[in-house]
Amino acid sequence: MKKGTKYALILGAIPFVTLVFALPLVNRIHPVVLGLPFLLFWILAWVILTPAILF
């Protein structure tokens, strides 16, 4: 496997891991961030960060 391919797979795995496996850890109503429950803020943040990571 090429070095660039490994790098791309690792970068692609970061959003997947944070959105799938970290959700039970951040599934809280309180604290509230920017007026949103923390879980909703977490998902929204990663939806915004994913294209930035993969670009």
N, C-alpha and C. Protein backbone atom coordinates (compact mmCIF):
# COMPACT_ATOMS: atom_id res chain seq x y z
N MET A 1 0.85 -1.17 0.00
CA MET A 1 0.00 0.00 0.00
C MET A 1 0.90 1.24 0.00
N LYS A 2 0.54 2.23 -0.80
CA LYS A 2 1.32 3.46 -0.89
C LYS A 2 1.17 4.28 0.38
N LYS A 3 2.17 5.11 0.62
CA LYS A 3 2.15 5.97 1.80
C LYS A 3 0.94 6.91 1.77
N GLY A 4 0.65 7.47 0.59
CA GLY A 4 -0.49 8.37 0.47
C GLY A 4 -1.82 7.69 0.73
N THR A 5 -1.92 6.42 0.34
CA THR A 5 -3.15 5.67 0.57
C THR A 5 -3.36 5.41 2.06
N LYS A 6 -2.30 5.06 2.76
CA LYS A 6 -2.40 4.85 4.21
C LYS A 6 -2.82 6.14 4.90
N TYR A 7 -2.22 7.23 4.48
CA TYR A 7 -2.53 8.53 5.06
C TYR A 7 -4.00 8.88 4.83
N ALA A 8 -4.50 8.63 3.64
CA ALA A 8 -5.90 8.92 3.32
C ALA A 8 -6.85 8.04 4.14
N LEU A 9 -6.50 6.77 4.32
CA LEU A 9 -7.35 5.88 5.12
C LEU A 9 -7.39 6.31 6.58
N ILE A 10 -6.26 6.71 7.11
CA ILE A 10 -6.22 7.18 8.50
C ILE A 10 -7.05 8.44 8.66
N LEU A 11 -6.89 9.39 7.74
CA LEU A 11 -7.68 10.62 7.80
C LEU A 11 -9.17 10.34 7.62
N GLY A 12 -9.52 9.39 6.78
CA GLY A 12 -10.92 9.04 6.59
C GLY A 12 -11.52 8.31 7.78
N ALA A 13 -10.68 7.64 8.55
CA ALA A 13 -11.16 6.90 9.72
C ALA A 13 -11.44 7.82 10.91
N ILE A 14 -10.78 8.96 10.97
CA ILE A 14 -10.96 9.85 12.12
C ILE A 14 -12.42 10.29 12.27
N PRO A 15 -13.07 10.85 11.24
CA PRO A 15 -14.48 11.23 11.41
C PRO A 15 -15.38 10.03 11.70
N PHE A 16 -15.11 8.90 11.07
CA PHE A 16 -15.92 7.70 11.30
C PHE A 16 -15.85 7.29 12.77
N VAL A 17 -14.66 7.22 13.30
CA VAL A 17 -14.48 6.80 14.70
C VAL A 17 -15.14 7.80 15.65
N THR A 18 -14.95 9.09 15.40
CA THR A 18 -15.53 10.08 16.31
C THR A 18 -17.04 10.13 16.23
N LEU A 19 -17.62 9.85 15.08
CA LEU A 19 -19.08 9.90 14.97
C LEU A 19 -19.75 8.60 15.39
N VAL A 20 -19.10 7.47 15.23
CA VAL A 20 -19.73 6.19 15.55
C VAL A 20 -19.38 5.72 16.96
N PHE A 21 -18.11 5.65 17.26
CA PHE A 21 -17.69 5.04 18.52
C PHE A 21 -17.66 6.01 19.70
N ALA A 22 -17.56 7.30 19.44
CA ALA A 22 -17.50 8.26 20.54
C ALA A 22 -18.89 8.74 20.96
N LEU A 23 -19.92 8.46 20.18
CA LEU A 23 -21.26 8.94 20.52
C LEU A 23 -21.74 8.48 21.90
N PRO A 24 -21.54 7.24 22.30
CA PRO A 24 -21.98 6.88 23.65
C PRO A 24 -21.25 7.66 24.75
N LEU A 25 -20.05 8.11 24.46
CA LEU A 25 -19.29 8.87 25.45
C LEU A 25 -19.76 10.31 25.57
N VAL A 26 -20.30 10.86 24.51
CA VAL A 26 -20.73 12.27 24.53
C VAL A 26 -22.25 12.40 24.57
N ASN A 27 -22.96 11.34 24.79
CA ASN A 27 -24.42 11.36 24.80
C ASN A 27 -24.92 11.95 26.13
N ARG A 28 -24.89 13.27 26.18
CA ARG A 28 -25.31 14.00 27.37
C ARG A 28 -26.20 15.16 26.93
N ILE A 29 -27.17 15.51 27.74
CA ILE A 29 -27.97 16.69 27.47
C ILE A 29 -27.26 17.92 28.01
N HIS A 30 -26.72 17.79 29.20
CA HIS A 30 -25.96 18.89 29.80
C HIS A 30 -24.50 18.52 29.76
N PRO A 31 -23.60 19.28 29.33
CA PRO A 31 -23.60 20.72 29.14
C PRO A 31 -24.23 21.13 27.81
N VAL A 32 -24.57 22.38 27.75
CA VAL A 32 -25.12 22.97 26.54
C VAL A 32 -24.04 23.84 25.91
N VAL A 33 -23.77 23.63 24.63
CA VAL A 33 -22.76 24.40 23.91
C VAL A 33 -23.44 25.18 22.80
N LEU A 34 -23.29 26.49 22.80
CA LEU A 34 -23.91 27.36 21.81
C LEU A 34 -25.42 27.15 21.74
N GLY A 35 -26.03 26.86 22.87
CA GLY A 35 -27.47 26.65 22.93
C GLY A 35 -27.95 25.29 22.46
N LEU A 36 -27.01 24.41 22.12
CA LEU A 36 -27.36 23.07 21.64
C LEU A 36 -26.97 22.03 22.68
N PRO A 37 -27.73 20.95 22.80
CA PRO A 37 -27.26 19.84 23.63
C PRO A 37 -25.92 19.35 23.10
N PHE A 38 -25.08 18.85 23.99
CA PHE A 38 -23.71 18.51 23.62
C PHE A 38 -23.65 17.50 22.49
N LEU A 39 -24.54 16.51 22.47
CA LEU A 39 -24.53 15.50 21.41
C LEU A 39 -24.80 16.13 20.04
N LEU A 40 -25.76 17.02 19.97
CA LEU A 40 -26.06 17.69 18.71
C LEU A 40 -24.90 18.58 18.28
N PHE A 41 -24.29 19.27 19.23
CA PHE A 41 -23.11 20.09 18.92
C PHE A 41 -21.97 19.22 18.41
N TRP A 42 -21.75 18.04 19.02
CA TRP A 42 -20.68 17.12 18.62
C TRP A 42 -20.88 16.67 17.17
N ILE A 43 -22.09 16.26 16.85
CA ILE A 43 -22.38 15.79 15.48
C ILE A 43 -22.23 16.94 14.49
N LEU A 44 -22.76 18.10 14.81
CA LEU A 44 -22.65 19.26 13.93
C LEU A 44 -21.20 19.67 13.72
N ALA A 45 -20.41 19.65 14.78
CA ALA A 45 -19.00 20.00 14.66
C ALA A 45 -18.27 19.04 13.73
N TRP A 46 -18.55 17.76 13.85
CA TRP A 46 -17.87 16.78 12.99
C TRP A 46 -18.37 16.81 11.56
N VAL A 47 -19.63 17.19 11.35
CA VAL A 47 -20.13 17.35 9.98
C VAL A 47 -19.39 18.51 9.31
N ILE A 48 -19.07 19.54 10.07
CA ILE A 48 -18.32 20.68 9.53
C ILE A 48 -16.84 20.34 9.39
N LEU A 49 -16.27 19.61 10.35
CA LEU A 49 -14.84 19.30 10.33
C LEU A 49 -14.45 18.22 9.32
N THR A 50 -15.35 17.32 9.01
CA THR A 50 -15.01 16.21 8.11
C THR A 50 -14.50 16.68 6.75
N PRO A 51 -15.16 17.59 6.06
CA PRO A 51 -14.60 18.04 4.78
C PRO A 51 -13.24 18.73 4.95
N ALA A 52 -13.07 19.45 6.06
CA ALA A 52 -11.78 20.11 6.30
C ALA A 52 -10.67 19.08 6.49
N ILE A 53 -10.96 17.99 7.17
CA ILE A 53 -9.96 16.95 7.39
C ILE A 53 -9.65 16.22 6.09
N LEU A 54 -10.66 15.95 5.30
CA LEU A 54 -10.46 15.17 4.08
C LEU A 54 -9.98 15.99 2.89
N PHE A 55 -9.97 17.32 3.03
CA PHE A 55 -9.50 18.16 1.93
C PHE A 55 -8.02 18.15 1.93
